[in-house]
Amino acid sequence: MAEVKSDIEIARAADKKQIQAIGQKIGIPSEHLLPYGHDKAKISAEFIKSVKANKDGKLILVTAINPTPAGEGKTTTTVGLGDGLNRIGKKAIVCIREASLGPNFGVKGGAAGGGYAQVVPMEDMNLHFTGDFHAITTAHNLLSALIDNHIYWGNDLGIDIRRVVWRRVMDMNDRALREIICSLGGVANGFPREGGFDITVASEVMAILCLATDLKDLEKRLGDIIVAYRRDKSAVYARDLKADGAMAVLLKDAMQPNLVQTLENNPAFVHGGPFANIAHGCNSVVATTTALKLADYVVTEAGFGADLGAEKFFDIKCRKAGLKPAAAVIVATVRAMKMNGGVKKEDLGKENVEAVKKGCANLGRHVENIRQFGVPAVVAINHFYSDTDAEIQAMKDYVASMGEEAILCKHWAKGSAGIEELAGRVVALAESGASQFAPLYPDAMPLFEKINTIVQRIYRGSEAIADKSVRDQLHAWEHAGYGHLPVCMAKTQYSFSTDPNLRGAPTGHTVPVREVRLSAGAGFIVVICGEVMTMPGLPKAPSSEKIFLNEMGQIEGLF
């Protein structure tokens, strides 16, 4: 076997085109691109407004099985499929999220695809990129500062400092900041109170940026943020602190989608980055809806497995933005099937057809779940060199027994040439008009029923369980006019249950709801289940230990 290059070596050798040439391919004049160097640019709000009357292309969702340490390659497949569609003569744009610095320096690594199915510049995308996350962090923390400042200068709004619900954020995994006491140090520093930090990608400001349709909508949503409650439990909003205007100013450029390119010089929009296990896990509505006006096909992904990312894509993003996906791709690997079948990571290189068959139950569950939304789906088997013909056939046979098709994809090694068959199948599904998309539950359903619907129909659990205080809080929000909002489930990504070690396709488990949070600006209720954290910690040996600059000043170890 020929020497296999690393992702970063492949990215470094990319034959990139000037970003203006990439914009030209999809009809964006150079005067409507704000370049950040030579290979990335923001798309102007004026241009976005000018194409609103264009006919929409077809929207393809790429989702996956529950993630395993074996790796699934969802972003790699998203990028590969975009290249594959362009290869077979379709005008396609890829839409993905930006990477968070926290996971990059923690466990996960980069988020720009891999092998010969990558978006470049990979190093920039996985680090500061165009500064969007820094702008979101700053806007969020401006609001935090304004709350404590208002309390310090007399508290005219009557904020109960025991009921400040707006936390601070930073784009790093730092467990030491999860729960803090702030304003210590005497009279000059304000009134001491409990506070805490979330990671930036869990910020409501991030969710708002990704769901807002334009700057006016952005400012309104920012004003709708509930920051605290008074002693009579009435809400205090960001607009009460006159924070919405300044926050919108900080986010003005961040609202503009970022244009970059794949290794095959096809356009990619990379914009926004809410986590899928604690937020809604999709790239921005502005990026997706703009891409649909410029291309025949838009390939986008939703974070983690279909139980989290796809469910939120359908029930939150599509519901809010009026999107109707034409088809879905469910990514799986032989290796991940073996892990779900009980094989340890160090033994994945050995053929084990029985373990593949056993592990396919997890894949089957996701196929069934996508069907519940009325969207036709195809399974993409993301190929690894260690996969054997018998193992691949076992996966294909299992999917065929469910009445669906599984297609072997070699885009990691071969780029678009390795994914042509999947691209053709996606076109056939999308053109068939078979999609009868509908969200899982209606707006009018009570909030706890919405939670239970997801638990029972998507997770196959017996029920959601919650303390009376949680149920009372949901009822209070319903009486306050928020009962129509969708719910955003925050739980472990590794299992259909809240136990990250329970792989496969468990049934009958209960899902404990620990806490609920109202994101009034974003327009959903966050439902925190089990032990999931809104500020992750670093592992014992974080990825940052292997990231450095080599003698040529190039970045090593980022992916």
Protein backbone atom coordinates (compact mmCIF):
# COMPACT_ATOMS: atom_id res chain seq x y z
CA MET A 1 0.00 0.00 0.00
CA ALA A 2 1.25 3.46 -0.90
CA GLU A 3 2.26 5.82 1.89
CA VAL A 4 -0.82 7.49 3.37
CA LYS A 5 -0.47 11.24 3.84
CA SER A 6 -1.95 12.89 6.93
CA ASP A 7 -4.87 15.30 6.61
CA ILE A 8 -2.68 18.29 7.35
CA GLU A 9 -0.08 17.21 4.74
CA ILE A 10 -2.84 16.89 2.13
CA ALA A 11 -4.32 20.27 3.11
CA ARG A 12 -0.89 21.92 2.97
CA ALA A 13 -0.34 20.63 -0.57
CA ALA A 14 -3.71 21.93 -1.81
CA ASP A 15 -3.78 23.84 -5.07
CA LYS A 16 -6.01 26.63 -3.80
CA LYS A 17 -7.57 29.24 -6.04
CA GLN A 18 -8.02 32.90 -5.16
CA ILE A 19 -11.26 33.25 -3.22
CA GLN A 20 -12.65 35.66 -5.84
CA ALA A 21 -12.49 32.83 -8.41
CA ILE A 22 -14.48 30.56 -6.09
CA GLY A 23 -17.09 33.29 -5.63
CA GLN A 24 -17.28 33.77 -9.39
CA LYS A 25 -18.23 30.07 -9.85
CA ILE A 26 -21.48 30.69 -7.95
CA GLY A 27 -22.15 34.20 -9.19
CA ILE A 28 -20.78 36.31 -6.34
CA PRO A 29 -19.04 39.41 -7.76
CA SER A 30 -15.69 40.26 -6.16
CA GLU A 31 -17.04 43.57 -4.82
CA HIS A 32 -19.43 41.57 -2.62
CA LEU A 33 -16.64 39.54 -1.05
CA LEU A 34 -14.76 40.85 1.98
CA PRO A 35 -11.44 38.93 1.73
CA TYR A 36 -9.57 37.64 4.77
CA GLY A 37 -6.26 36.97 3.05
CA HIS A 38 -6.35 35.17 -0.31
CA ASP A 39 -8.35 32.05 0.48
CA LYS A 40 -11.35 33.06 2.60
CA ALA A 41 -13.90 35.84 2.47
CA LYS A 42 -17.17 37.03 3.92
CA ILE A 43 -20.22 37.49 1.69
CA SER A 44 -21.87 40.90 1.90
CA ALA A 45 -25.36 41.40 3.31
CA GLU A 46 -26.22 43.38 0.16
CA PHE A 47 -25.49 40.41 -2.07
CA ILE A 48 -27.46 38.05 0.17
CA LYS A 49 -30.44 40.38 -0.05
CA SER A 50 -30.12 40.61 -3.85
CA VAL A 51 -30.58 36.85 -4.43
CA LYS A 52 -33.60 36.31 -2.16
CA ALA A 53 -35.94 36.06 -5.17
CA ASN A 54 -33.90 33.27 -6.79
CA LYS A 55 -35.37 29.78 -7.00
CA ASP A 56 -34.22 27.39 -4.26
CA GLY A 57 -31.98 24.42 -4.98
CA LYS A 58 -32.39 21.09 -3.19
CA LEU A 59 -31.23 20.65 0.39
CA ILE A 60 -29.40 17.45 1.37
CA LEU A 61 -28.74 16.63 5.03
CA VAL A 62 -25.73 14.51 6.01
CA THR A 63 -26.10 12.89 9.42
CA ALA A 64 -24.60 9.81 11.09
CA ILE A 65 -24.80 7.06 13.65
CA ASN A 66 -23.84 7.80 17.27
CA PRO A 67 -20.16 8.81 17.28
CA THR A 68 -17.58 6.31 18.48
CA PRO A 69 -13.82 6.56 19.09
CA ALA A 70 -13.46 4.62 15.82
CA GLY A 71 -14.56 7.70 13.86
CA GLU A 72 -17.42 8.09 11.39
CA GLY A 73 -16.34 10.89 9.04
CA LYS A 74 -19.55 12.88 8.75
CA THR A 75 -17.87 16.15 7.74
CA THR A 76 -15.55 14.25 5.40
CA THR A 77 -18.59 12.70 3.71
CA THR A 78 -20.39 16.07 3.55
CA VAL A 79 -17.42 17.63 1.77
CA GLY A 80 -16.89 14.57 -0.43
CA LEU A 81 -20.54 14.53 -1.48
CA GLY A 82 -20.40 18.21 -2.39
CA ASP A 83 -17.37 17.51 -4.60
CA GLY A 84 -19.06 14.38 -5.99
CA LEU A 85 -22.18 16.30 -7.02
CA ASN A 86 -20.03 18.89 -8.78
CA ARG A 87 -18.13 16.05 -10.47
CA ILE A 88 -21.33 14.62 -12.00
CA GLY A 89 -22.32 18.02 -13.37
CA LYS A 90 -24.45 19.47 -10.61
CA LYS A 91 -23.83 22.92 -9.16
CA ALA A 92 -23.34 22.16 -5.45
CA ILE A 93 -22.30 24.12 -2.36
CA VAL A 94 -21.22 22.61 0.95
CA CYS A 95 -22.50 24.24 4.17
CA ILE A 96 -20.79 23.28 7.44
CA ARG A 97 -20.13 24.75 10.88
CA GLU A 98 -17.01 26.45 12.19
CA ALA A 99 -14.80 24.60 14.65
CA SER A 100 -14.63 25.42 18.34
CA LEU A 101 -11.18 25.91 19.86
CA GLY A 102 -12.20 23.93 22.95
CA PRO A 103 -12.56 20.52 21.24
CA ASN A 104 -9.64 21.28 18.90
CA PHE A 105 -7.31 21.46 21.89
CA GLY A 106 -9.21 18.81 23.82
CA VAL A 107 -10.25 15.50 22.27
CA LYS A 108 -12.03 15.91 18.96
CA GLY A 109 -9.47 17.61 16.76
CA GLY A 110 -10.39 19.67 13.70
CA ALA A 111 -13.66 19.94 11.83
CA ALA A 112 -12.79 20.50 8.18
CA GLY A 113 -13.17 16.99 6.79
CA GLY A 114 -10.25 14.70 6.07
CA GLY A 115 -8.12 12.98 3.46
CA TYR A 116 -8.99 14.19 -0.05
CA ALA A 117 -12.39 15.46 1.10
CA GLN A 118 -11.43 18.58 3.02
CA VAL A 119 -12.26 22.24 3.18
CA VAL A 120 -9.26 24.58 3.15
CA PRO A 121 -7.57 26.57 4.66
CA MET A 122 -7.80 23.83 7.29
CA GLU A 123 -5.48 25.42 9.87
CA ASP A 124 -7.31 28.77 9.75
CA MET A 125 -10.74 27.14 10.00
CA ASN A 126 -9.71 25.21 13.10
CA LEU A 127 -8.17 28.24 14.81
CA HIS A 128 -9.29 31.89 14.68
CA PHE A 129 -10.71 31.78 11.11
CA THR A 130 -12.47 35.12 10.45
CA GLY A 131 -13.01 35.94 14.12
CA ASP A 132 -16.72 35.00 14.30
CA PHE A 133 -16.40 33.06 17.56
CA HIS A 134 -14.43 35.87 19.16
CA ALA A 135 -17.19 38.33 18.18
CA ILE A 136 -19.84 36.02 19.66
CA THR A 137 -17.83 35.59 22.86
CA THR A 138 -17.39 39.37 23.16
CA ALA A 139 -21.07 40.16 22.50
CA HIS A 140 -22.13 37.56 25.06
CA ASN A 141 -19.74 38.84 27.72
CA LEU A 142 -20.69 42.47 27.05
CA LEU A 143 -24.19 41.51 28.17
CA SER A 144 -22.73 39.76 31.23
CA ALA A 145 -20.78 42.91 32.13
CA LEU A 146 -23.85 45.12 31.65
CA ILE A 147 -25.89 42.99 34.07
CA ASP A 148 -23.38 43.30 36.91
CA ASN A 149 -22.78 46.96 36.08
CA HIS A 150 -26.52 47.69 36.30
CA ILE A 151 -26.72 45.99 39.70
CA TYR A 152 -23.67 47.96 40.91
CA TRP A 153 -25.17 51.34 39.92
CA GLY A 154 -28.38 50.91 41.92
CA ASN A 155 -30.28 48.12 40.16
CA ASP A 156 -33.18 50.22 38.82
CA LEU A 157 -34.63 47.14 37.11
CA GLY A 158 -34.92 45.34 40.43
CA ILE A 159 -32.87 42.31 39.36
CA ASP A 160 -32.83 39.58 42.02
CA ILE A 161 -29.11 38.73 42.09
CA ARG A 162 -30.02 35.18 43.15
CA ARG A 163 -31.89 34.80 39.86
CA VAL A 164 -29.35 36.00 37.27
CA VAL A 165 -29.53 33.26 34.60
CA TRP A 166 -27.06 34.74 32.10
CA ARG A 167 -23.64 33.12 32.47
CA ARG A 168 -20.33 34.08 30.88
CA VAL A 169 -18.63 32.19 28.03
CA MET A 170 -15.22 31.42 26.57
CA ASP A 171 -14.23 29.28 23.60
CA MET A 172 -12.14 26.81 25.58
CA ASN A 173 -12.73 23.69 27.66
CA ASP A 174 -12.16 24.83 31.26
CA ARG A 175 -13.96 22.84 33.94
CA ALA A 176 -12.60 25.13 36.70
CA LEU A 177 -14.92 27.90 35.49
CA ARG A 178 -18.17 25.91 35.42
CA GLU A 179 -19.32 27.36 38.74
CA ILE A 180 -17.75 30.54 40.15
CA ILE A 181 -18.31 33.34 42.65
CA CYS A 182 -17.92 36.73 40.97
CA SER A 183 -17.69 40.36 42.17
CA LEU A 184 -15.49 39.52 45.17
CA GLY A 185 -13.12 42.12 46.59
CA GLY A 186 -15.25 44.64 48.42
CA VAL A 187 -17.55 47.55 47.70
CA ALA A 188 -15.69 48.75 44.60
CA ASN A 189 -16.25 45.45 42.79
CA GLY A 190 -20.00 45.08 43.23
CA PHE A 191 -22.25 42.55 44.90
CA PRO A 192 -20.86 38.99 45.18
CA ARG A 193 -23.02 36.31 43.57
CA GLU A 194 -22.81 32.87 42.04
CA GLY A 195 -22.03 32.69 38.34
CA GLY A 196 -20.37 30.40 35.86
CA PHE A 197 -19.02 29.89 32.36
CA ASP A 198 -20.29 27.90 29.39
CA ILE A 199 -18.32 27.22 26.24
CA THR A 200 -18.99 29.79 23.48
CA VAL A 201 -20.64 27.24 21.20
CA ALA A 202 -23.29 26.69 23.92
CA SER A 203 -24.06 30.43 24.08
CA GLU A 204 -27.55 31.59 23.18
CA VAL A 205 -25.83 34.32 21.16
CA MET A 206 -24.30 31.59 18.97
CA ALA A 207 -27.73 29.99 18.48
CA ILE A 208 -29.26 33.39 17.71
CA LEU A 209 -26.61 34.20 15.11
CA CYS A 210 -27.26 30.83 13.46
CA LEU A 211 -31.06 31.24 13.40
CA ALA A 212 -31.39 34.96 12.59
CA THR A 213 -32.36 35.85 9.03
CA ASP A 214 -30.74 39.31 8.88
CA LEU A 215 -29.32 42.06 11.09
CA LYS A 216 -32.76 43.39 12.04
CA ASP A 217 -33.90 39.92 13.12
CA LEU A 218 -30.58 39.45 14.93
CA GLU A 219 -31.05 42.62 16.98
CA LYS A 220 -34.65 41.70 17.89
CA ARG A 221 -33.61 38.21 19.01
CA LEU A 222 -30.75 39.64 21.08
CA GLY A 223 -33.22 41.94 22.78
CA ASP A 224 -35.47 38.95 23.57
CA ILE A 225 -32.77 37.24 25.66
CA ILE A 226 -33.88 36.75 29.26
CA VAL A 227 -30.94 37.58 31.54
CA ALA A 228 -32.50 37.48 35.01
CA TYR A 229 -35.68 37.58 37.06
CA ARG A 230 -36.98 40.01 39.66
CA ARG A 231 -38.19 39.00 43.12
CA ASP A 232 -41.74 38.70 41.71
CA LYS A 233 -40.24 36.30 39.10
CA SER A 234 -40.96 38.66 36.19
CA ALA A 235 -38.31 38.50 33.45
CA VAL A 236 -35.57 41.03 32.75
CA TYR A 237 -34.56 41.16 29.07
CA ALA A 238 -31.37 42.22 27.33
CA ARG A 239 -33.28 45.11 25.78
CA ASP A 240 -34.14 46.36 29.30
CA LEU A 241 -30.39 46.85 29.76
CA LYS A 242 -30.17 48.54 26.33
CA ALA A 243 -27.68 45.83 25.32
CA ASP A 244 -29.22 44.69 22.03
CA GLY A 245 -27.89 47.51 19.84
CA ALA A 246 -24.27 47.25 20.97
CA MET A 247 -24.35 43.45 20.77
CA ALA A 248 -25.64 43.64 17.19
CA VAL A 249 -22.81 46.05 16.32
CA LEU A 250 -20.25 43.53 17.60
CA LEU A 251 -21.90 40.80 15.51
CA LYS A 252 -22.36 42.80 12.29
CA ASP A 253 -19.49 41.14 10.40
CA ALA A 254 -19.93 37.77 12.12
CA MET A 255 -23.45 37.58 10.61
CA GLN A 256 -21.94 37.41 7.11
CA PRO A 257 -21.28 33.81 5.92
CA ASN A 258 -17.69 32.76 5.22
CA LEU A 259 -16.78 31.47 1.77
CA VAL A 260 -13.90 29.00 1.43
CA GLN A 261 -13.18 26.06 -0.91
CA THR A 262 -12.78 22.31 -0.97
CA LEU A 263 -9.57 20.64 -2.12
CA GLU A 264 -11.24 20.37 -5.54
CA ASN A 265 -11.89 24.13 -5.59
CA ASN A 266 -15.64 23.88 -5.07
CA PRO A 267 -17.42 26.47 -2.91
CA ALA A 268 -18.09 25.88 0.79
CA PHE A 269 -19.91 28.12 3.25
CA VAL A 270 -18.55 27.71 6.78
CA HIS A 271 -20.59 29.70 9.27
CA GLY A 272 -21.66 29.36 12.90
CA GLY A 273 -20.93 26.51 15.23
CA PRO A 274 -23.49 25.60 17.89
CA PHE A 275 -22.74 22.28 19.63
CA ALA A 276 -25.21 19.51 18.79
CA ASN A 277 -25.22 17.89 22.22
CA ILE A 278 -25.98 21.14 24.08
CA ALA A 279 -27.31 23.44 21.33
CA HIS A 280 -29.02 22.89 17.96
CA GLY A 281 -25.91 21.78 16.07
CA CYS A 282 -26.39 23.28 12.60
CA ASN A 283 -24.64 25.91 10.51
CA SER A 284 -26.37 29.27 10.08
CA VAL A 285 -29.75 29.76 8.44
CA VAL A 286 -28.27 32.70 6.49
CA ALA A 287 -25.54 30.49 4.99
CA THR A 288 -27.93 27.66 4.10
CA THR A 289 -30.69 29.82 2.63
CA THR A 290 -28.17 31.88 0.62
CA ALA A 291 -26.50 28.73 -0.73
CA LEU A 292 -29.92 27.40 -1.79
CA LYS A 293 -30.37 30.52 -3.94
CA LEU A 294 -27.01 29.96 -5.69
CA ALA A 295 -26.81 26.19 -6.30
CA ASP A 296 -28.74 23.18 -7.57
CA TYR A 297 -27.76 21.25 -4.46
CA VAL A 298 -26.74 22.31 -0.97
CA VAL A 299 -25.09 19.65 1.19
CA THR A 300 -25.16 20.42 4.89
CA GLU A 301 -24.52 18.44 8.06
CA ALA A 302 -25.97 18.29 11.53
CA GLY A 303 -23.70 17.56 14.48
CA PHE A 304 -23.17 14.15 16.10
CA GLY A 305 -25.63 11.30 15.50
CA ALA A 306 -29.07 11.59 13.93
CA ASP A 307 -30.71 11.32 17.38
CA LEU A 308 -29.27 14.75 18.25
CA GLY A 309 -28.14 16.67 15.16
CA ALA A 310 -30.71 15.48 12.62
CA GLU A 311 -33.60 15.72 15.09
CA LYS A 312 -32.65 19.33 15.89
CA PHE A 313 -32.02 20.13 12.23
CA PHE A 314 -35.56 18.98 11.40
CA ASP A 315 -37.40 20.14 14.52
CA ILE A 316 -35.62 23.45 15.13
CA LYS A 317 -33.71 24.73 12.07
CA CYS A 318 -36.10 23.53 9.35
CA ARG A 319 -39.16 24.50 11.40
CA LYS A 320 -37.81 28.00 12.09
CA ALA A 321 -36.43 28.68 8.61
CA GLY A 322 -39.13 26.98 6.54
CA LEU A 323 -36.61 24.57 4.99
CA LYS A 324 -37.70 21.32 3.32
CA PRO A 325 -34.85 18.81 2.92
CA ALA A 326 -35.06 16.66 -0.22
CA ALA A 327 -32.95 13.73 1.04
CA ALA A 328 -30.68 12.58 3.86
CA VAL A 329 -27.42 10.65 4.00
CA ILE A 330 -26.62 8.57 7.09
CA VAL A 331 -22.87 8.03 7.51
CA ALA A 332 -21.58 4.85 9.13
CA THR A 333 -18.34 2.87 9.15
CA VAL A 334 -17.52 -0.82 9.47
CA ARG A 335 -15.25 0.08 12.40
CA ALA A 336 -18.06 1.85 14.27
CA MET A 337 -20.40 -1.09 13.68
CA LYS A 338 -17.81 -3.36 15.25
CA MET A 339 -17.49 -1.06 18.27
CA ASN A 340 -21.28 -1.04 18.67
CA GLY A 341 -21.05 -4.81 18.42
CA GLY A 342 -18.71 -4.98 21.41
CA VAL A 343 -15.23 -4.91 19.81
CA LYS A 344 -12.53 -2.89 21.61
CA LYS A 345 -10.78 -0.09 19.72
CA GLU A 346 -7.43 -1.94 19.64
CA ASP A 347 -9.10 -4.94 17.95
CA LEU A 348 -10.88 -3.07 15.18
CA GLY A 349 -8.28 -4.09 12.55
CA LYS A 350 -9.33 -7.76 12.74
CA GLU A 351 -12.22 -9.03 10.61
CA ASN A 352 -15.33 -9.66 12.71
CA VAL A 353 -18.46 -10.02 10.59
CA GLU A 354 -20.64 -11.09 13.52
CA ALA A 355 -19.74 -7.94 15.46
CA VAL A 356 -20.63 -5.85 12.37
CA LYS A 357 -24.03 -7.54 12.18
CA LYS A 358 -24.63 -7.02 15.91
CA GLY A 359 -23.57 -3.36 15.78
CA CYS A 360 -25.83 -2.58 12.82
CA ALA A 361 -28.74 -2.21 15.25
CA ASN A 362 -27.49 1.31 15.99
CA LEU A 363 -27.47 2.18 12.29
CA GLY A 364 -30.92 0.66 11.85
CA ARG A 365 -32.35 2.83 14.59
CA HIS A 366 -31.09 5.99 12.87
CA VAL A 367 -32.52 4.85 9.52
CA GLU A 368 -35.92 4.33 11.17
CA ASN A 369 -35.72 7.72 12.87
CA ILE A 370 -35.02 9.60 9.63
CA ARG A 371 -38.07 7.89 8.10
CA GLN A 372 -40.22 9.38 10.86
CA PHE A 373 -39.57 12.84 9.40
CA GLY A 374 -40.66 11.75 5.91
CA VAL A 375 -37.25 12.31 4.32
CA PRO A 376 -35.83 9.62 1.98
CA ALA A 377 -32.39 8.40 3.05
CA VAL A 378 -29.38 6.49 1.82
CA VAL A 379 -26.56 5.03 3.93
CA ALA A 380 -22.96 6.03 3.12
CA ILE A 381 -20.36 3.50 4.26
CA ASN A 382 -17.27 5.63 4.80
CA HIS A 383 -14.44 3.31 3.77
CA PHE A 384 -11.35 2.50 5.86
CA TYR A 385 -8.39 0.49 4.53
CA SER A 386 -8.92 -2.20 7.18
CA ASP A 387 -12.50 -2.94 6.07
CA THR A 388 -12.95 -6.39 4.51
CA ASP A 389 -15.33 -7.31 1.69
CA ALA A 390 -17.31 -9.60 4.00
CA GLU A 391 -17.77 -6.86 6.60
CA ILE A 392 -18.88 -4.32 3.98
CA GLN A 393 -21.32 -6.84 2.51
CA ALA A 394 -22.77 -7.51 5.95
CA MET A 395 -23.57 -3.82 6.31
CA LYS A 396 -25.07 -3.63 2.82
CA ASP A 397 -27.21 -6.70 3.48
CA TYR A 398 -28.48 -5.30 6.78
CA VAL A 399 -29.48 -1.98 5.21
CA ALA A 400 -31.09 -3.81 2.26
CA SER A 401 -33.16 -5.85 4.75
CA MET A 402 -34.60 -2.52 5.92
CA GLY A 403 -35.58 -1.62 2.38
CA GLU A 404 -32.83 0.97 1.95
CA GLU A 405 -29.49 1.14 0.14
CA ALA A 406 -25.96 1.36 1.53
CA ILE A 407 -23.21 2.64 -0.78
CA LEU A 408 -19.48 2.22 -0.23
CA CYS A 409 -17.71 5.60 -0.42
CA LYS A 410 -13.95 6.11 -0.88
CA HIS A 411 -13.84 9.91 -0.91
CA TRP A 412 -11.23 10.06 1.89
CA ALA A 413 -8.70 8.33 -0.37
CA LYS A 414 -9.97 9.34 -3.83
CA GLY A 415 -11.88 12.60 -3.43
CA SER A 416 -14.93 13.06 -5.65
CA ALA A 417 -14.00 10.04 -7.79
CA GLY A 418 -14.64 7.81 -4.79
CA ILE A 419 -18.16 9.06 -4.10
CA GLU A 420 -19.78 9.33 -7.54
CA GLU A 421 -22.20 6.46 -6.88
CA LEU A 422 -23.53 8.13 -3.74
CA ALA A 423 -23.85 11.47 -5.55
CA GLY A 424 -25.93 9.79 -8.27
CA ARG A 425 -28.17 8.11 -5.71
CA VAL A 426 -28.70 11.39 -3.83
CA VAL A 427 -29.72 13.11 -7.05
CA ALA A 428 -32.18 10.31 -7.82
CA LEU A 429 -33.73 10.56 -4.34
CA ALA A 430 -33.93 14.34 -4.44
CA GLU A 431 -35.37 14.47 -7.96
CA SER A 432 -37.96 11.77 -7.16
CA GLY A 433 -39.96 14.20 -5.05
CA ALA A 434 -40.34 11.49 -2.41
CA SER A 435 -39.65 13.81 0.52
CA GLN A 436 -42.74 14.41 2.63
CA PHE A 437 -40.89 16.31 5.35
CA ALA A 438 -42.71 17.19 8.56
CA PRO A 439 -41.36 17.91 12.05
CA LEU A 440 -41.82 15.28 14.76
CA TYR A 441 -44.29 17.29 16.87
CA PRO A 442 -46.60 20.29 16.39
CA ASP A 443 -45.92 23.74 17.89
CA ALA A 444 -49.07 23.51 20.02
CA MET A 445 -48.00 20.38 21.92
CA PRO A 446 -47.20 21.09 25.62
CA LEU A 447 -43.48 21.36 26.35
CA PHE A 448 -43.12 18.23 28.49
CA GLU A 449 -45.04 16.24 25.89
CA LYS A 450 -42.54 17.44 23.26
CA ILE A 451 -39.70 16.15 25.45
CA ASN A 452 -41.46 12.82 25.93
CA THR A 453 -42.18 12.53 22.21
CA ILE A 454 -38.46 12.77 21.42
CA VAL A 455 -37.54 10.38 24.25
CA GLN A 456 -40.04 7.76 23.12
CA ARG A 457 -39.91 8.08 19.32
CA ILE A 458 -36.24 8.98 18.75
CA TYR A 459 -34.39 7.57 21.79
CA ARG A 460 -36.87 4.65 22.24
CA GLY A 461 -36.91 5.31 25.97
CA SER A 462 -39.91 4.63 28.17
CA GLU A 463 -40.30 8.22 29.38
CA ALA A 464 -38.61 11.43 30.43
CA ILE A 465 -38.50 11.93 34.19
CA ALA A 466 -38.19 15.31 35.89
CA ASP A 467 -38.58 16.82 39.34
CA LYS A 468 -41.67 18.87 40.10
CA SER A 469 -39.55 22.04 39.94
CA VAL A 470 -38.66 21.32 36.30
CA ARG A 471 -42.27 20.59 35.35
CA ASP A 472 -43.44 23.71 37.17
CA GLN A 473 -40.87 25.79 35.29
CA LEU A 474 -42.12 24.42 31.94
CA HIS A 475 -45.73 25.22 32.92
CA ALA A 476 -44.70 28.75 33.93
CA TRP A 477 -43.09 29.30 30.52
CA GLU A 478 -46.22 28.01 28.81
CA HIS A 479 -48.33 30.53 30.75
CA ALA A 480 -45.83 33.25 29.80
CA GLY A 481 -46.38 32.52 26.08
CA TYR A 482 -43.40 30.27 25.33
CA GLY A 483 -45.26 26.96 25.05
CA HIS A 484 -45.10 26.98 21.23
CA LEU A 485 -41.28 26.78 21.20
CA PRO A 486 -39.45 23.61 20.12
CA VAL A 487 -37.24 21.78 22.62
CA CYS A 488 -33.48 21.43 22.24
CA MET A 489 -32.31 18.25 23.96
CA ALA A 490 -28.90 18.42 25.63
CA LYS A 491 -27.58 14.93 26.31
CA THR A 492 -24.61 12.67 25.64
CA GLN A 493 -23.92 12.14 21.95
CA TYR A 494 -22.57 8.61 22.45
CA SER A 495 -25.83 6.79 23.14
CA PHE A 496 -29.58 6.88 22.60
CA SER A 497 -29.73 6.90 26.41
CA THR A 498 -28.10 9.30 28.87
CA ASP A 499 -25.41 6.67 29.64
CA PRO A 500 -22.48 7.29 27.25
CA ASN A 501 -21.33 3.67 27.64
CA LEU A 502 -24.64 2.14 26.51
CA ARG A 503 -23.99 1.55 22.82
CA GLY A 504 -26.13 -0.16 20.19
CA ALA A 505 -29.90 0.40 20.20
CA PRO A 506 -31.15 0.35 23.81
CA THR A 507 -34.89 0.51 24.55
CA GLY A 508 -37.05 1.12 27.60
CA HIS A 509 -34.60 3.41 29.42
CA THR A 510 -35.70 6.53 31.28
CA VAL A 511 -34.22 9.92 30.39
CA PRO A 512 -33.72 12.12 33.47
CA VAL A 513 -34.17 15.85 32.85
CA ARG A 514 -31.81 17.70 35.18
CA GLU A 515 -32.53 21.29 34.20
CA VAL A 516 -34.40 23.38 31.62
CA ARG A 517 -33.30 26.75 30.25
CA LEU A 518 -35.35 29.21 28.22
CA SER A 519 -33.51 30.60 25.19
CA ALA A 520 -36.17 33.18 24.33
CA GLY A 521 -34.00 34.96 21.76
CA ALA A 522 -32.99 31.80 19.91
CA GLY A 523 -36.54 30.50 20.22
CA PHE A 524 -36.21 27.15 21.94
CA ILE A 525 -36.15 25.48 25.37
CA VAL A 526 -32.86 23.77 26.28
CA VAL A 527 -33.51 20.47 28.10
CA ILE A 528 -30.40 19.27 29.96
CA CYS A 529 -30.47 15.50 30.44
CA GLY A 530 -28.25 13.22 32.50
CA GLU A 531 -24.71 14.40 33.17
CA VAL A 532 -24.08 16.46 30.01
CA MET A 533 -21.99 19.61 30.66
CA THR A 534 -22.39 23.02 28.99
CA MET A 535 -18.70 23.67 29.74
CA PRO A 536 -16.61 20.63 28.76
CA GLY A 537 -13.35 19.70 30.48
CA LEU A 538 -10.04 18.71 28.93
CA PRO A 539 -8.95 15.04 28.95
CA LYS A 540 -5.91 13.80 30.88
CA ALA A 541 -3.78 14.11 27.73
CA PRO A 542 -5.36 16.93 25.68
CA SER A 543 -4.69 17.32 21.95
CA SER A 544 -2.94 20.62 22.72
CA GLU A 545 0.08 18.66 23.99
CA LYS A 546 0.81 17.55 20.41
CA ILE A 547 0.19 20.87 18.66
CA PHE A 548 3.25 22.99 17.86
CA LEU A 549 5.06 25.03 15.21
CA ASN A 550 7.75 23.16 13.26
CA GLU A 551 11.06 24.66 12.14
CA MET A 552 9.38 26.11 9.04
CA GLY A 553 6.74 27.85 11.15
CA GLN A 554 4.04 25.43 10.03
CA ILE A 555 1.42 24.05 12.41
CA GLU A 556 1.80 20.39 13.37
CA GLY A 557 -0.60 18.14 15.26
CA LEU A 558 -3.77 20.15 14.70
CA PHE A 559 -5.42 17.22 12.94
